Amino acid sequence: MKSVLVLFSMFLITTSNAQDWANLEHFRADNAKIGLPGAHENRVVFMGNSITIGWLNIMPGFFEGKPYINRGVSGQTTPQMLLRFRQDVIALQPKVVVILAGTNDIAGNTGPSSLEMIADNIKSMAELAETHGVKVVISSTLPAYDYPWKPGLEPAGKIVALNKMLKDYAELKGHVYLDYFSAMADERNGLPKKYANDEVHPTRLGYELMAPLAEAAITKALSDKQ
């Protein structure tokens, strides 16, 4: 009987996770606590995956004392981010959103995705933001020569191609393009170990390199808003 109850509990947990495919519950309570920005608050939301939330965990000082809200969920792909974009970005009424996404799509975390599909989801997030008066910063996908959890996919060239699509779109639409890739890539178009022990997720040194680039992009977006 006990084993049946354990199996049933595992089923309920699995079913619950499957029903919240986009992790809409992840930040729901936090969003309610934060509330709306103050009259002169230059609120910025960072939308992303483990690379985004890892920044908060590894280098919390970057966010402290600033109107920056981190909305990264580990492992997420762009369709998941798009589904939670209204709740985790639009509803918070930021002045700027910094979107960093794409690598988990290339890794196939939620199934096969073409580069066009990935770019389209990021474009849709940008369009939602623009419609609601939020300035958009589109980040390049970080370099990755291989994925430790799914080796052999040869993502490096795909990331280069995706970043070109994102840069072209940002320039076409007047969004800010935040180019982490050029500053971080090695001769393989990968992420060297000094910036990421597993060559995917940044170390503190990696985030220290990213920080001024992000600040400059946010400053540009805010100045464009005036």
Protein backbone atom coordinates (compact mmCIF):
# COMPACT_ATOMS: atom_id res chain seq x y z
CA MET A 1 0.00 0.00 0.00
CA LYS A 2 2.84 2.35 0.90
CA SER A 3 4.52 1.80 -2.46
CA VAL A 4 1.26 2.58 -4.24
CA LEU A 5 0.94 5.86 -2.32
CA VAL A 6 4.53 6.78 -3.19
CA LEU A 7 3.93 6.08 -6.86
CA PHE A 8 0.71 8.10 -6.78
CA SER A 9 2.51 11.04 -5.14
CA MET A 10 5.21 10.92 -7.81
CA PHE A 11 2.50 10.89 -10.47
CA LEU A 12 0.86 13.98 -8.97
CA ILE A 13 4.19 15.84 -8.85
CA THR A 14 5.02 14.90 -12.44
CA THR A 15 1.54 15.84 -13.63
CA SER A 16 1.68 19.17 -11.81
CA ASN A 17 5.05 20.01 -13.39
CA ALA A 18 3.77 19.03 -16.82
CA GLN A 19 0.69 21.23 -16.41
CA ASP A 20 2.89 24.25 -15.57
CA TRP A 21 5.10 23.71 -18.61
CA ALA A 22 6.12 27.37 -18.77
CA ASN A 23 6.75 27.67 -14.99
CA LEU A 24 4.11 30.36 -14.56
CA GLU A 25 4.01 29.62 -10.84
CA HIS A 26 7.74 30.15 -10.42
CA PHE A 27 7.60 33.93 -9.89
CA ARG A 28 3.87 34.48 -9.39
CA ALA A 29 4.07 35.20 -5.65
CA ASP A 30 7.21 37.35 -6.00
CA ASN A 31 5.58 39.38 -8.75
CA ALA A 32 2.60 40.10 -6.52
CA LYS A 33 4.88 41.30 -3.71
CA ILE A 34 6.92 43.61 -5.95
CA GLY A 35 4.00 45.62 -7.21
CA LEU A 36 4.22 48.47 -9.69
CA PRO A 37 7.26 50.72 -10.13
CA GLY A 38 7.57 54.13 -8.55
CA ALA A 39 7.01 57.27 -10.58
CA HIS A 40 10.70 57.79 -11.37
CA GLU A 41 11.88 54.19 -11.19
CA ASN A 42 13.89 52.96 -14.17
CA ARG A 43 12.81 49.36 -13.66
CA VAL A 44 14.58 46.72 -15.74
CA VAL A 45 13.53 43.08 -16.05
CA PHE A 46 16.08 40.45 -17.06
CA MET A 47 14.24 37.64 -18.87
CA GLY A 48 16.12 34.43 -19.46
CA ASN A 49 17.20 30.97 -18.43
CA SER A 50 19.87 29.54 -16.09
CA ILE A 51 22.45 32.02 -17.36
CA THR A 52 20.20 34.86 -16.21
CA ILE A 53 19.23 33.42 -12.82
CA GLY A 54 22.83 32.26 -12.32
CA TRP A 55 23.90 35.90 -12.50
CA LEU A 56 21.73 36.68 -9.47
CA ASN A 57 23.07 33.67 -7.58
CA ILE A 58 26.77 34.10 -8.39
CA MET A 59 27.02 37.89 -8.54
CA PRO A 60 24.11 39.28 -6.50
CA GLY A 61 25.87 42.61 -6.08
CA PHE A 62 25.08 43.46 -9.69
CA PHE A 63 21.38 43.57 -8.81
CA GLU A 64 21.52 45.00 -5.27
CA GLY A 65 20.42 48.59 -4.84
CA LYS A 66 19.18 48.81 -8.42
CA PRO A 67 15.67 48.57 -9.88
CA TYR A 68 16.65 45.32 -11.58
CA ILE A 69 14.37 42.29 -11.47
CA ASN A 70 15.72 38.87 -12.44
CA ARG A 71 13.26 36.55 -14.13
CA GLY A 72 15.49 33.71 -15.26
CA VAL A 73 14.29 30.10 -15.05
CA SER A 74 16.85 27.32 -15.43
CA GLY A 75 16.55 25.15 -18.52
CA GLN A 76 13.94 27.29 -20.22
CA THR A 77 13.50 27.66 -23.96
CA THR A 78 12.05 30.61 -25.85
CA PRO A 79 8.48 29.22 -26.17
CA GLN A 80 8.34 28.84 -22.39
CA MET A 81 9.63 32.38 -21.89
CA LEU A 82 7.12 33.71 -24.39
CA LEU A 83 4.25 32.12 -22.46
CA ARG A 84 5.30 33.75 -19.20
CA PHE A 85 6.37 37.05 -20.75
CA ARG A 86 3.16 38.93 -19.90
CA GLN A 87 3.21 37.81 -16.28
CA ASP A 88 6.93 38.06 -15.59
CA VAL A 89 7.72 41.16 -17.68
CA ILE A 90 4.76 43.18 -18.98
CA ALA A 91 2.78 43.07 -15.74
CA LEU A 92 5.76 44.48 -13.83
CA GLN A 93 5.74 47.57 -16.08
CA PRO A 94 9.49 47.96 -16.54
CA LYS A 95 11.04 50.64 -18.70
CA VAL A 96 13.46 48.10 -20.21
CA VAL A 97 13.55 44.35 -20.71
CA VAL A 98 16.82 42.50 -21.33
CA ILE A 99 16.12 39.24 -23.19
CA LEU A 100 18.78 36.53 -23.13
CA ALA A 101 17.68 33.24 -24.68
CA GLY A 102 18.21 30.61 -27.33
CA THR A 103 20.89 28.21 -26.15
CA ASN A 104 18.45 25.75 -24.55
CA ASP A 105 16.40 25.70 -27.74
CA ILE A 106 19.50 24.75 -29.70
CA ALA A 107 20.15 22.05 -27.09
CA GLY A 108 16.64 20.72 -27.71
CA ASN A 109 15.48 21.04 -24.10
CA THR A 110 11.81 21.13 -25.13
CA GLY A 111 12.15 19.40 -28.48
CA PRO A 112 13.56 20.30 -31.88
CA SER A 113 13.65 23.98 -32.83
CA SER A 114 14.90 25.62 -35.98
CA LEU A 115 16.85 28.87 -35.72
CA GLU A 116 13.90 30.62 -37.34
CA MET A 117 11.57 29.30 -34.62
CA ILE A 118 13.92 30.54 -31.91
CA ALA A 119 14.28 33.97 -33.51
CA ASP A 120 10.51 34.22 -34.01
CA ASN A 121 9.85 33.61 -30.31
CA ILE A 122 12.35 36.30 -29.35
CA LYS A 123 10.79 38.64 -31.89
CA SER A 124 7.37 37.97 -30.38
CA MET A 125 8.67 38.88 -26.93
CA ALA A 126 10.14 42.07 -28.36
CA GLU A 127 6.86 42.93 -30.07
CA LEU A 128 4.91 42.40 -26.85
CA ALA A 129 7.30 44.66 -24.99
CA GLU A 130 7.21 47.37 -27.64
CA THR A 131 3.40 47.32 -27.71
CA HIS A 132 3.40 48.06 -23.98
CA GLY A 133 5.98 50.84 -24.14
CA VAL A 134 8.90 48.77 -22.86
CA LYS A 135 12.28 49.33 -24.50
CA VAL A 136 13.93 46.15 -25.71
CA VAL A 137 17.47 44.92 -25.29
CA ILE A 138 18.08 41.74 -27.29
CA SER A 139 21.15 39.90 -26.04
CA SER A 140 23.28 37.67 -28.19
CA THR A 141 23.18 34.02 -27.23
CA LEU A 142 26.37 33.20 -25.34
CA PRO A 143 29.02 31.07 -27.06
CA ALA A 144 28.89 27.29 -26.57
CA TYR A 145 31.14 24.76 -28.28
CA ASP A 146 29.26 21.79 -26.80
CA TYR A 147 26.59 21.05 -24.18
CA PRO A 148 27.72 18.82 -21.30
CA TRP A 149 24.19 17.50 -20.80
CA LYS A 150 23.70 16.76 -24.51
CA PRO A 151 27.07 16.44 -26.27
CA GLY A 152 27.60 16.23 -30.01
CA LEU A 153 25.06 18.81 -31.19
CA GLU A 154 27.76 21.18 -32.48
CA PRO A 155 25.99 24.36 -31.33
CA ALA A 156 28.80 26.84 -32.06
CA GLY A 157 27.93 27.52 -35.69
CA LYS A 158 24.21 27.57 -34.96
CA ILE A 159 24.71 30.21 -32.27
CA VAL A 160 26.72 32.38 -34.68
CA ALA A 161 23.88 32.14 -37.22
CA LEU A 162 21.19 32.85 -34.62
CA ASN A 163 23.05 35.88 -33.33
CA LYS A 164 23.25 37.32 -36.82
CA MET A 165 19.48 36.96 -37.13
CA LEU A 166 18.95 38.64 -33.77
CA LYS A 167 21.34 41.49 -34.53
CA ASP A 168 19.75 42.13 -37.93
CA TYR A 169 16.28 42.16 -36.35
CA ALA A 170 17.34 44.50 -33.53
CA GLU A 171 18.87 46.94 -36.00
CA LEU A 172 15.81 46.77 -38.25
CA LYS A 173 13.41 47.51 -35.39
CA GLY A 174 15.55 50.00 -33.49
CA HIS A 175 16.11 47.76 -30.47
CA VAL A 176 19.40 47.66 -28.58
CA TYR A 177 21.57 44.65 -29.45
CA LEU A 178 23.69 43.47 -26.53
CA ASP A 179 26.69 41.60 -27.93
CA TYR A 180 28.07 39.32 -25.24
CA PHE A 181 29.26 36.84 -27.86
CA SER A 182 32.04 38.92 -29.41
CA ALA A 183 33.53 39.70 -26.01
CA MET A 184 33.43 36.13 -24.72
CA ALA A 185 33.98 33.71 -27.63
CA ASP A 186 37.28 31.90 -28.12
CA GLU A 187 38.83 30.67 -31.38
CA ARG A 188 36.33 27.76 -31.48
CA ASN A 189 33.38 30.12 -31.10
CA GLY A 190 33.03 28.48 -27.70
CA LEU A 191 33.02 29.83 -24.16
CA PRO A 192 36.45 29.38 -22.53
CA LYS A 193 36.71 27.80 -19.11
CA LYS A 194 37.90 31.04 -17.53
CA TYR A 195 34.43 32.40 -18.23
CA ALA A 196 32.48 29.16 -17.67
CA ASN A 197 33.69 26.00 -15.97
CA ASP A 198 31.33 23.85 -18.04
CA GLU A 199 31.76 26.15 -21.08
CA VAL A 200 28.07 27.14 -20.91
CA HIS A 201 27.22 28.74 -17.55
CA PRO A 202 29.31 31.79 -16.65
CA THR A 203 31.62 31.98 -13.67
CA ARG A 204 31.89 35.17 -11.65
CA LEU A 205 34.61 36.31 -14.07
CA GLY A 206 32.19 35.71 -16.93
CA TYR A 207 29.50 37.79 -15.28
CA GLU A 208 32.01 40.51 -14.46
CA LEU A 209 32.72 40.75 -18.18
CA MET A 210 29.00 40.80 -19.01
CA ALA A 211 28.04 43.42 -16.40
CA PRO A 212 29.39 46.62 -18.03
CA LEU A 213 28.08 45.48 -21.42
CA ALA A 214 24.61 45.06 -19.92
CA GLU A 215 24.79 48.40 -18.13
CA ALA A 216 25.78 50.18 -21.34
CA ALA A 217 22.91 48.55 -23.22
CA ILE A 218 20.40 49.52 -20.51
CA THR A 219 21.68 53.10 -20.48
CA LYS A 220 21.28 53.29 -24.25
CA ALA A 221 17.76 51.86 -24.08
CA LEU A 222 16.74 54.35 -21.38
CA SER A 223 18.21 57.28 -23.31
CA ASP A 224 16.33 56.16 -26.41
CA LYS A 225 13.13 56.17 -24.35
CA GLN A 226 13.34 59.84 -23.42
